[in-house]
Amino acid sequence: MTNRRVFILNTCAGLAAATLGCMAWAEDRVPLKEDEPLAKEFNYVVDAAKVDGHKFPDFKAGDRCSKCQIYEDGPNDMGGCAIFPGKLVTAAGWCTSFG
């Protein structure tokens, strides 16, 4: 009986730690700014409506971060992106890695 009780307590503690750890990781990320070096390298813009279609012929109306394969939903119309680790991108944003 003691072993079962210890197992259940340890399982609950482990699940709580994993959940809180994920929440802390998400809160540590900060919004990506267009003037950051990596953002410039990938021509990131906060608002895809401002993308120059002549300069970026691969851009199509309606393309934006929230429709990208590597976008991770997040809070407040922002989310994560594998291209910009530790940063949040706007759902309405765009970069040349869109796919």
PDB file of N, CA and C in Angstrom:
ATOM      1  N   MET A   1       0.820  -1.183   0.000  1.00  0.00           N
ATOM      2  CA  MET A   1       0.000   0.000   0.000  1.00  0.00           C
ATOM      3  C   MET A   1       0.870   1.255   0.000  1.00  0.00           C
ATOM      4  N   THR A   2       1.939   1.240   0.754  1.00  0.00           N
ATOM      5  CA  THR A   2       2.833   2.384   0.788  1.00  0.00           C
ATOM      6  C   THR A   2       3.450   2.623  -0.584  1.00  0.00           C
ATOM      7  N   ASN A   3       3.813   1.563  -1.274  1.00  0.00           N
ATOM      8  CA  ASN A   3       4.419   1.716  -2.595  1.00  0.00           C
ATOM      9  C   ASN A   3       3.457   2.366  -3.582  1.00  0.00           C
ATOM     10  N   ARG A   4       2.204   1.986  -3.532  1.00  0.00           N
ATOM     11  CA  ARG A   4       1.209   2.560  -4.438  1.00  0.00           C
ATOM     12  C   ARG A   4       1.025   4.048  -4.128  1.00  0.00           C
ATOM     13  N   ARG A   5       0.969   4.393  -2.861  1.00  0.00           N
ATOM     14  CA  ARG A   5       0.794   5.783  -2.451  1.00  0.00           C
ATOM     15  C   ARG A   5       1.995   6.619  -2.904  1.00  0.00           C
ATOM     16  N   VAL A   6       3.185   6.103  -2.717  1.00  0.00           N
ATOM     17  CA  VAL A   6       4.400   6.807  -3.145  1.00  0.00           C
ATOM     18  C   VAL A   6       4.409   6.972  -4.660  1.00  0.00           C
ATOM     19  N   PHE A   7       4.020   5.928  -5.367  1.00  0.00           N
ATOM     20  CA  PHE A   7       3.971   5.988  -6.829  1.00  0.00           C
ATOM     21  C   PHE A   7       3.011   7.079  -7.299  1.00  0.00           C
ATOM     22  N   ILE A   8       1.823   7.120  -6.711  1.00  0.00           N
ATOM     23  CA  ILE A   8       0.820   8.113  -7.112  1.00  0.00           C
ATOM     24  C   ILE A   8       1.300   9.526  -6.795  1.00  0.00           C
ATOM     25  N   LEU A   9       1.875   9.732  -5.629  1.00  0.00           N
ATOM     26  CA  LEU A   9       2.385  11.055  -5.267  1.00  0.00           C
ATOM     27  C   LEU A   9       3.510  11.492  -6.203  1.00  0.00           C
ATOM     28  N   ASN A  10       4.421  10.579  -6.504  1.00  0.00           N
ATOM     29  CA  ASN A  10       5.523  10.912  -7.411  1.00  0.00           C
ATOM     30  C   ASN A  10       5.019  11.211  -8.820  1.00  0.00           C
ATOM     31  N   THR A  11       4.026  10.464  -9.268  1.00  0.00           N
ATOM     32  CA  THR A  11       3.449  10.702 -10.591  1.00  0.00           C
ATOM     33  C   THR A  11       2.799  12.078 -10.649  1.00  0.00           C
ATOM     34  N   CYS A  12       2.034  12.425  -9.636  1.00  0.00           N
ATOM     35  CA  CYS A  12       1.387  13.742  -9.588  1.00  0.00           C
ATOM     36  C   CYS A  12       2.423  14.865  -9.554  1.00  0.00           C
ATOM     37  N   ALA A  13       3.453  14.683  -8.761  1.00  0.00           N
ATOM     38  CA  ALA A  13       4.504  15.694  -8.676  1.00  0.00           C
ATOM     39  C   ALA A  13       5.218  15.848 -10.014  1.00  0.00           C
ATOM     40  N   GLY A  14       5.476  14.746 -10.685  1.00  0.00           N
ATOM     41  CA  GLY A  14       6.136  14.796 -11.988  1.00  0.00           C
ATOM     42  C   GLY A  14       5.293  15.495 -13.035  1.00  0.00           C
ATOM     43  N   LEU A  15       4.006  15.200 -13.063  1.00  0.00           N
ATOM     44  CA  LEU A  15       3.107  15.860 -14.014  1.00  0.00           C
ATOM     45  C   LEU A  15       3.011  17.355 -13.743  1.00  0.00           C
ATOM     46  N   ALA A  16       2.945  17.728 -12.481  1.00  0.00           N
ATOM     47  CA  ALA A  16       2.879  19.151 -12.131  1.00  0.00           C
ATOM     48  C   ALA A  16       4.158  19.868 -12.545  1.00  0.00           C
ATOM     49  N   ALA A  17       5.295  19.247 -12.304  1.00  0.00           N
ATOM     50  CA  ALA A  17       6.574  19.857 -12.677  1.00  0.00           C
ATOM     51  C   ALA A  17       6.688  20.015 -14.189  1.00  0.00           C
ATOM     52  N   ALA A  18       6.257  19.006 -14.928  1.00  0.00           N
ATOM     53  CA  ALA A  18       6.320  19.082 -16.392  1.00  0.00           C
ATOM     54  C   ALA A  18       5.418  20.189 -16.918  1.00  0.00           C
ATOM     55  N   THR A  19       4.235  20.309 -16.367  1.00  0.00           N
ATOM     56  CA  THR A  19       3.291  21.344 -16.797  1.00  0.00           C
ATOM     57  C   THR A  19       3.822  22.728 -16.474  1.00  0.00           C
ATOM     58  N   LEU A  20       4.292  22.935 -15.279  1.00  0.00           N
ATOM     59  CA  LEU A  20       4.821  24.238 -14.886  1.00  0.00           C
ATOM     60  C   LEU A  20       6.081  24.577 -15.660  1.00  0.00           C
ATOM     61  N   GLY A  21       6.891  23.590 -15.966  1.00  0.00           N
ATOM     62  CA  GLY A  21       8.101  23.823 -16.751  1.00  0.00           C
ATOM     63  C   GLY A  21       7.780  24.319 -18.143  1.00  0.00           C
ATOM     64  N   CYS A  22       6.767  23.753 -18.764  1.00  0.00           N
ATOM     65  CA  CYS A  22       6.347  24.193 -20.098  1.00  0.00           C
ATOM     66  C   CYS A  22       5.794  25.603 -20.050  1.00  0.00           C
ATOM     67  N   MET A  23       5.043  25.924 -19.009  1.00  0.00           N
ATOM     68  CA  MET A  23       4.478  27.262 -18.885  1.00  0.00           C
ATOM     69  C   MET A  23       5.585  28.288 -18.705  1.00  0.00           C
ATOM     70  N   ALA A  24       6.575  27.984 -17.922  1.00  0.00           N
ATOM     71  CA  ALA A  24       7.679  28.912 -17.709  1.00  0.00           C
ATOM     72  C   ALA A  24       8.443  29.131 -19.004  1.00  0.00           C
ATOM     73  N   TRP A  25       8.643  28.070 -19.790  1.00  0.00           N
ATOM     74  CA  TRP A  25       9.362  28.203 -21.052  1.00  0.00           C
ATOM     75  C   TRP A  25       8.614  29.135 -21.985  1.00  0.00           C
ATOM     76  N   ALA A  26       7.303  29.004 -22.054  1.00  0.00           N
ATOM     77  CA  ALA A  26       6.507  29.831 -22.953  1.00  0.00           C
ATOM     78  C   ALA A  26       6.561  31.297 -22.538  1.00  0.00           C
ATOM     79  N   GLU A  27       6.596  31.566 -21.256  1.00  0.00           N
ATOM     80  CA  GLU A  27       6.608  32.943 -20.782  1.00  0.00           C
ATOM     81  C   GLU A  27       7.964  33.604 -20.963  1.00  0.00           C
ATOM     82  N   ASP A  28       9.029  32.840 -21.132  1.00  0.00           N
ATOM     83  CA  ASP A  28      10.356  33.405 -21.284  1.00  0.00           C
ATOM     84  C   ASP A  28      10.592  33.978 -22.674  1.00  0.00           C
ATOM     85  N   ARG A  29       9.804  33.581 -23.642  1.00  0.00           N
ATOM     86  CA  ARG A  29      10.011  34.051 -25.005  1.00  0.00           C
ATOM     87  C   ARG A  29       9.532  35.492 -25.145  1.00  0.00           C
ATOM     88  N   VAL A  30      10.252  36.255 -25.942  1.00  0.00           N
ATOM     89  CA  VAL A  30       9.914  37.661 -26.170  1.00  0.00           C
ATOM     90  C   VAL A  30       9.592  37.870 -27.648  1.00  0.00           C
ATOM     91  N   PRO A  31       8.813  38.899 -27.975  1.00  0.00           N
ATOM     92  CA  PRO A  31       8.470  39.151 -29.375  1.00  0.00           C
ATOM     93  C   PRO A  31       9.706  39.472 -30.220  1.00  0.00           C
ATOM     94  N   LEU A  32       9.717  38.935 -31.424  1.00  0.00           N
ATOM     95  CA  LEU A  32      10.784  39.204 -32.383  1.00  0.00           C
ATOM     96  C   LEU A  32      10.566  40.582 -32.984  1.00  0.00           C
ATOM     97  N   LYS A  33      11.629  41.361 -33.081  1.00  0.00           N
ATOM     98  CA  LYS A  33      11.555  42.693 -33.681  1.00  0.00           C
ATOM     99  C   LYS A  33      12.137  42.632 -35.088  1.00  0.00           C
ATOM    100  N   GLU A  34      11.577  43.405 -35.991  1.00  0.00           N
ATOM    101  CA  GLU A  34      12.004  43.392 -37.389  1.00  0.00           C
ATOM    102  C   GLU A  34      13.460  43.799 -37.572  1.00  0.00           C
ATOM    103  N   ASP A  35      14.009  44.584 -36.638  1.00  0.00           N
ATOM    104  CA  ASP A  35      15.384  45.063 -36.803  1.00  0.00           C
ATOM    105  C   ASP A  35      16.447  44.125 -36.220  1.00  0.00           C
ATOM    106  N   GLU A  36      16.035  42.978 -35.694  1.00  0.00           N
ATOM    107  CA  GLU A  36      17.010  42.014 -35.176  1.00  0.00           C
ATOM    108  C   GLU A  36      17.714  41.325 -36.344  1.00  0.00           C
ATOM    109  N   PRO A  37      19.013  40.987 -36.187  1.00  0.00           N
ATOM    110  CA  PRO A  37      19.785  40.403 -37.295  1.00  0.00           C
ATOM    111  C   PRO A  37      19.140  39.174 -37.943  1.00  0.00           C
ATOM    112  N   LEU A  38      18.662  38.231 -37.145  1.00  0.00           N
ATOM    113  CA  LEU A  38      18.061  37.028 -37.720  1.00  0.00           C
ATOM    114  C   LEU A  38      16.751  37.361 -38.435  1.00  0.00           C
ATOM    115  N   ALA A  39      16.002  38.309 -37.891  1.00  0.00           N
ATOM    116  CA  ALA A  39      14.759  38.742 -38.543  1.00  0.00           C
ATOM    117  C   ALA A  39      15.075  39.373 -39.897  1.00  0.00           C
ATOM    118  N   LYS A  40      16.126  40.174 -39.945  1.00  0.00           N
ATOM    119  CA  LYS A  40      16.533  40.800 -41.213  1.00  0.00           C
ATOM    120  C   LYS A  40      16.989  39.751 -42.223  1.00  0.00           C
ATOM    121  N   GLU A  41      17.696  38.737 -41.741  1.00  0.00           N
ATOM    122  CA  GLU A  41      18.195  37.681 -42.626  1.00  0.00           C
ATOM    123  C   GLU A  41      17.051  36.958 -43.338  1.00  0.00           C
ATOM    124  N   PHE A  42      15.928  36.798 -42.645  1.00  0.00           N
ATOM    125  CA  PHE A  42      14.771  36.114 -43.226  1.00  0.00           C
ATOM    126  C   PHE A  42      13.675  37.088 -43.649  1.00  0.00           C
ATOM    127  N   ASN A  43      14.001  38.388 -43.689  1.00  0.00           N
ATOM    128  CA  ASN A  43      13.070  39.435 -44.130  1.00  0.00           C
ATOM    129  C   ASN A  43      11.737  39.382 -43.384  1.00  0.00           C
ATOM    130  N   TYR A  44      11.810  39.124 -42.083  1.00  0.00           N
ATOM    131  CA  TYR A  44      10.604  39.035 -41.253  1.00  0.00           C
ATOM    132  C   TYR A  44       9.920  40.391 -41.148  1.00  0.00           C
ATOM    133  N   VAL A  45       8.604  40.389 -41.308  1.00  0.00           N
ATOM    134  CA  VAL A  45       7.787  41.579 -41.084  1.00  0.00           C
ATOM    135  C   VAL A  45       6.663  41.212 -40.116  1.00  0.00           C
ATOM    136  N   VAL A  46       6.306  42.141 -39.266  1.00  0.00           N
ATOM    137  CA  VAL A  46       5.272  41.922 -38.263  1.00  0.00           C
ATOM    138  C   VAL A  46       3.894  41.815 -38.913  1.00  0.00           C
ATOM    139  N   ASP A  47       3.697  42.514 -40.030  1.00  0.00           N
ATOM    140  CA  ASP A  47       2.403  42.533 -40.718  1.00  0.00           C
ATOM    141  C   ASP A  47       2.601  42.139 -42.178  1.00  0.00           C
ATOM    142  N   ALA A  48       2.109  40.964 -42.555  1.00  0.00           N
ATOM    143  CA  ALA A  48       2.286  40.451 -43.920  1.00  0.00           C
ATOM    144  C   ALA A  48       1.649  41.353 -44.967  1.00  0.00           C
ATOM    145  N   ALA A  49       0.689  42.183 -44.580  1.00  0.00           N
ATOM    146  CA  ALA A  49       0.050  43.100 -45.526  1.00  0.00           C
ATOM    147  C   ALA A  49       1.047  44.125 -46.065  1.00  0.00           C
ATOM    148  N   LYS A  50       2.180  44.294 -45.393  1.00  0.00           N
ATOM    149  CA  LYS A  50       3.185  45.271 -45.813  1.00  0.00           C
ATOM    150  C   LYS A  50       4.287  44.664 -46.679  1.00  0.00           C
ATOM    151  N   VAL A  51       4.177  43.380 -47.033  1.00  0.00           N
ATOM    152  CA  VAL A  51       5.205  42.717 -47.844  1.00  0.00           C
ATOM    153  C   VAL A  51       5.118  43.221 -49.279  1.00  0.00           C
ATOM    154  N   ASP A  52       6.275  43.573 -49.847  1.00  0.00           N
ATOM    155  CA  ASP A  52       6.356  44.014 -51.239  1.00  0.00           C
ATOM    156  C   ASP A  52       6.386  42.781 -52.141  1.00  0.00           C
ATOM    157  N   GLY A  53       5.299  42.530 -52.839  1.00  0.00           N
ATOM    158  CA  GLY A  53       5.183  41.362 -53.708  1.00  0.00           C
ATOM    159  C   GLY A  53       6.165  41.368 -54.859  1.00  0.00           C
ATOM    160  N   HIS A  54       6.628  42.559 -55.279  1.00  0.00           N
ATOM    161  CA  HIS A  54       7.615  42.642 -56.363  1.00  0.00           C
ATOM    162  C   HIS A  54       8.997  42.229 -55.861  1.00  0.00           C
ATOM    163  N   LYS A  55       9.311  42.624 -54.643  1.00  0.00           N
ATOM    164  CA  LYS A  55      10.605  42.275 -54.045  1.00  0.00           C
ATOM    165  C   LYS A  55      10.652  40.797 -53.646  1.00  0.00           C
ATOM    166  N   PHE A  56       9.495  40.249 -53.253  1.00  0.00           N
ATOM    167  CA  PHE A  56       9.397  38.851 -52.828  1.00  0.00           C
ATOM    168  C   PHE A  56       8.322  38.152 -53.657  1.00  0.00           C
ATOM    169  N   PRO A  57       8.678  37.696 -54.871  1.00  0.00           N
ATOM    170  CA  PRO A  57       7.678  37.101 -55.771  1.00  0.00           C
ATOM    171  C   PRO A  57       7.044  35.810 -55.241  1.00  0.00           C
ATOM    172  N   ASP A  58       7.675  35.138 -54.284  1.00  0.00           N
ATOM    173  CA  ASP A  58       7.087  33.924 -53.707  1.00  0.00           C
ATOM    174  C   ASP A  58       5.928  34.237 -52.764  1.00  0.00           C
ATOM    175  N   PHE A  59       5.830  35.490 -52.333  1.00  0.00           N
ATOM    176  CA  PHE A  59       4.753  35.887 -51.425  1.00  0.00           C
ATOM    177  C   PHE A  59       3.426  35.912 -52.177  1.00  0.00           C
ATOM    178  N   LYS A  60       2.415  35.339 -51.549  1.00  0.00           N
ATOM    179  CA  LYS A  60       1.057  35.364 -52.104  1.00  0.00           C
ATOM    180  C   LYS A  60       0.132  36.008 -51.075  1.00  0.00           C
ATOM    181  N   ALA A  61      -0.835  36.760 -51.548  1.00  0.00           N
ATOM    182  CA  ALA A  61      -1.798  37.383 -50.637  1.00  0.00           C
ATOM    183  C   ALA A  61      -2.404  36.305 -49.740  1.00  0.00           C
ATOM    184  N   GLY A  62      -2.470  36.582 -48.468  1.00  0.00           N
ATOM    185  CA  GLY A  62      -3.004  35.618 -47.504  1.00  0.00           C
ATOM    186  C   GLY A  62      -1.934  34.823 -46.783  1.00  0.00           C
ATOM    187  N   ASP A  63      -0.696  34.831 -47.308  1.00  0.00           N
ATOM    188  CA  ASP A  63       0.404  34.164 -46.600  1.00  0.00           C
ATOM    189  C   ASP A  63       0.678  34.916 -45.309  1.00  0.00           C
ATOM    190  N   ARG A  64       0.836  34.179 -44.230  1.00  0.00           N
ATOM    191  CA  ARG A  64       1.199  34.779 -42.942  1.00  0.00           C
ATOM    192  C   ARG A  64       1.677  33.670 -42.009  1.00  0.00           C
ATOM    193  N   CYS A  65       2.344  34.060 -40.959  1.00  0.00           N
ATOM    194  CA  CYS A  65       2.951  33.097 -40.031  1.00  0.00           C
ATOM    195  C   CYS A  65       1.962  32.049 -39.535  1.00  0.00           C
ATOM    196  N   SER A  66       0.744  32.459 -39.222  1.00  0.00           N
ATOM    197  CA  SER A  66      -0.224  31.512 -38.657  1.00  0.00           C
ATOM    198  C   SER A  66      -0.579  30.391 -39.624  1.00  0.00           C
ATOM    199  N   LYS A  67      -0.284  30.549 -40.905  1.00  0.00           N
ATOM    200  CA  LYS A  67      -0.559  29.507 -41.899  1.00  0.00           C
ATOM    201  C   LYS A  67       0.691  28.705 -42.259  1.00  0.00           C
ATOM    202  N   CYS A  68       1.808  29.030 -41.643  1.00  0.00           N
ATOM    203  CA  CYS A  68       3.083  28.361 -41.931  1.00  0.00           C
ATOM    204  C   CYS A  68       3.144  27.011 -41.209  1.00  0.00           C
ATOM    205  N   GLN A  69       3.834  26.067 -41.806  1.00  0.00           N
ATOM    206  CA  GLN A  69       3.956  24.725 -41.234  1.00  0.00           C
ATOM    207  C   GLN A  69       4.731  24.706 -39.923  1.00  0.00           C
ATOM    208  N   ILE A  70       5.637  25.649 -39.728  1.00  0.00           N
ATOM    209  CA  ILE A  70       6.469  25.617 -38.521  1.00  0.00           C
ATOM    210  C   ILE A  70       6.008  26.599 -37.445  1.00  0.00           C
ATOM    211  N   TYR A  71       4.879  27.236 -37.652  1.00  0.00           N
ATOM    212  CA  TYR A  71       4.323  28.156 -36.655  1.00  0.00           C
ATOM    213  C   TYR A  71       3.681  27.355 -35.529  1.00  0.00           C
ATOM    214  N   GLU A  72       3.928  27.768 -34.292  1.00  0.00           N
ATOM    215  CA  GLU A  72       3.349  27.134 -33.106  1.00  0.00           C
ATOM    216  C   GLU A  72       2.408  28.133 -32.440  1.00  0.00           C
ATOM    217  N   ASP A  73       1.127  27.798 -32.368  1.00  0.00           N
ATOM    218  CA  ASP A  73       0.153  28.709 -31.748  1.00  0.00           C
ATOM    219  C   ASP A  73       0.605  29.140 -30.365  1.00  0.00           C
ATOM    220  N   GLY A  74       0.309  30.386 -30.045  1.00  0.00           N
ATOM    221  CA  GLY A  74       0.647  30.920 -28.741  1.00  0.00           C
ATOM    222  C   GLY A  74      -0.387  31.940 -28.305  1.00  0.00           C
ATOM    223  N   PRO A  75      -0.111  32.661 -27.231  1.00  0.00           N
ATOM    224  CA  PRO A  75      -1.070  33.629 -26.705  1.00  0.00           C
ATOM    225  C   PRO A  75      -1.067  34.949 -27.473  1.00  0.00           C
ATOM    226  N   ASN A  76      -2.192  35.643 -27.436  1.00  0.00           N
ATOM    227  CA  ASN A  76      -2.298  37.014 -27.944  1.00  0.00           C
ATOM    228  C   ASN A  76      -1.878  37.182 -29.398  1.00  0.00           C
ATOM    229  N   ASP A  77      -2.338  36.308 -30.267  1.00  0.00           N
ATOM    230  CA  ASP A  77      -2.016  36.375 -31.701  1.00  0.00           C
ATOM    231  C   ASP A  77      -0.516  36.344 -31.968  1.00  0.00           C
ATOM    232  N   MET A  78       0.212  35.650 -31.117  1.00  0.00           N
ATOM    233  CA  MET A  78       1.642  35.455 -31.315  1.00  0.00           C
ATOM    234  C   MET A  78       1.927  33.977 -31.111  1.00  0.00           C
ATOM    235  N   GLY A  79       3.039  33.517 -31.659  1.00  0.00           N
ATOM    236  CA  GLY A  79       3.390  32.118 -31.488  1.00  0.00           C
ATOM    237  C   GLY A  79       4.865  31.890 -31.716  1.00  0.00           C
ATOM    238  N   GLY A  80       5.283  30.669 -31.526  1.00  0.00           N
ATOM    239  CA  GLY A  80       6.673  30.307 -31.708  1.00  0.00           C
ATOM    240  C   GLY A  80       6.972  29.943 -33.149  1.00  0.00           C
ATOM    241  N   CYS A  81       8.253  29.951 -33.471  1.00  0.00           N
ATOM    242  CA  CYS A  81       8.713  29.587 -34.806  1.00  0.00           C
ATOM    243  C   CYS A  81      10.079  28.927 -34.666  1.00  0.00           C
ATOM    244  N   ALA A  82      10.270  27.811 -35.359  1.00  0.00           N
ATOM    245  CA  ALA A  82      11.543  27.089 -35.287  1.00  0.00           C
ATOM    246  C   ALA A  82      12.695  27.911 -35.852  1.00  0.00           C
ATOM    247  N   ILE A  83      12.407  28.840 -36.739  1.00  0.00           N
ATOM    248  CA  ILE A  83      13.447  29.689 -37.329  1.00  0.00           C
ATOM    249  C   ILE A  83      14.000  30.668 -36.295  1.00  0.00           C
ATOM    250  N   PHE A  84      13.137  31.122 -35.394  1.00  0.00           N
ATOM    251  CA  PHE A  84      13.512  32.134 -34.404  1.00  0.00           C
ATOM    252  C   PHE A  84      13.348  31.582 -32.987  1.00  0.00           C
ATOM    253  N   PRO A  85      14.250  30.705 -32.552  1.00  0.00           N
ATOM    254  CA  PRO A  85      14.105  30.088 -31.225  1.00  0.00           C
ATOM    255  C   PRO A  85      14.150  31.126 -30.104  1.00  0.00           C
ATOM    256  N   GLY A  86      13.297  30.927 -29.116  1.00  0.00           N
ATOM    257  CA  GLY A  86      13.257  31.831 -27.974  1.00  0.00           C
ATOM    258  C   GLY A  86      12.497  33.115 -28.234  1.00  0.00           C
ATOM    259  N   LYS A  87      11.903  33.237 -29.410  1.00  0.00           N
ATOM    260  CA  LYS A  87      11.171  34.451 -29.775  1.00  0.00           C
ATOM    261  C   LYS A  87       9.733  34.104 -30.125  1.00  0.00           C
ATOM    262  N   LEU A  88       8.880  35.102 -30.085  1.00  0.00           N
ATOM    263  CA  LEU A  88       7.502  34.978 -30.530  1.00  0.00           C
ATOM    264  C   LEU A  88       7.338  35.803 -31.798  1.00  0.00           C
ATOM    265  N   VAL A  89       6.636  35.266 -32.771  1.00  0.00           N
ATOM    266  CA  VAL A  89       6.342  36.004 -33.998  1.00  0.00           C
ATOM    267  C   VAL A  89       4.842  36.290 -34.023  1.00  0.00           C
ATOM    268  N   THR A  90       4.456  37.328 -34.739  1.00  0.00           N
ATOM    269  CA  THR A  90       3.032  37.638 -34.825  1.00  0.00           C
ATOM    270  C   THR A  90       2.353  36.673 -35.786  1.00  0.00           C
ATOM    271  N   ALA A  91       1.115  36.322 -35.488  1.00  0.00           N
ATOM    272  CA  ALA A  91       0.351  35.432 -36.367  1.00  0.00           C
ATOM    273  C   ALA A  91       0.169  36.068 -37.734  1.00  0.00           C
ATOM    274  N   ALA A  92       0.125  37.399 -37.780  1.00  0.00           N
ATOM    275  CA  ALA A  92      -0.073  38.128 -39.031  1.00  0.00           C
ATOM    276  C   ALA A  92       1.239  38.429 -39.744  1.00  0.00           C
ATOM    277  N   GLY A  93       2.361  37.981 -39.193  1.00  0.00           N
ATOM    278  CA  GLY A  93       3.669  38.262 -39.775  1.00  0.00           C
ATOM    279  C   GLY A  93       3.992  37.382 -40.974  1.00  0.00           C
ATOM    280  N   TRP A  94       5.200  37.559 -41.508  1.00  0.00           N
ATOM    281  CA  TRP A  94       5.652  36.773 -42.658  1.00  0.00           C
ATOM    282  C   TRP A  94       7.173  36.848 -42.727  1.00  0.00           C
ATOM    283  N   CYS A  95       7.802  35.788 -43.263  1.00  0.00           N
ATOM    284  CA  CYS A  95       9.229  35.812 -43.570  1.00  0.00           C
ATOM    285  C   CYS A  95       9.472  34.957 -44.806  1.00  0.00           C
ATOM    286  N   THR A  96      10.671  35.015 -45.341  1.00  0.00           N
ATOM    287  CA  THR A  96      10.983  34.302 -46.580  1.00  0.00           C
ATOM    288  C   THR A  96      11.030  32.790 -46.405  1.00  0.00           C
ATOM    289  N   SER A  97      10.931  32.299 -45.194  1.00  0.00           N
ATOM    290  CA  SER A  97      10.902  30.848 -44.968  1.00  0.00           C
ATOM    291  C   SER A  97       9.483  30.305 -44.937  1.00  0.00           C
ATOM    292  N   PHE A  98       8.508  31.117 -45.293  1.00  0.00           N
ATOM    293  CA  PHE A  98       7.113  30.684 -45.240  1.00  0.00           C
ATOM    294  C   PHE A  98       6.929  29.408 -46.041  1.00  0.00           C
ATOM    295  N   GLY A  99       6.217  28.469 -45.442  1.00  0.00           N
ATOM    296  CA  GLY A  99       5.968  27.218 -46.164  1.00  0.00           C
ATOM    297  C   GLY A  99       4.899  26.392 -45.527  1.00  0.00           C
TER     298      GLY A  99
END
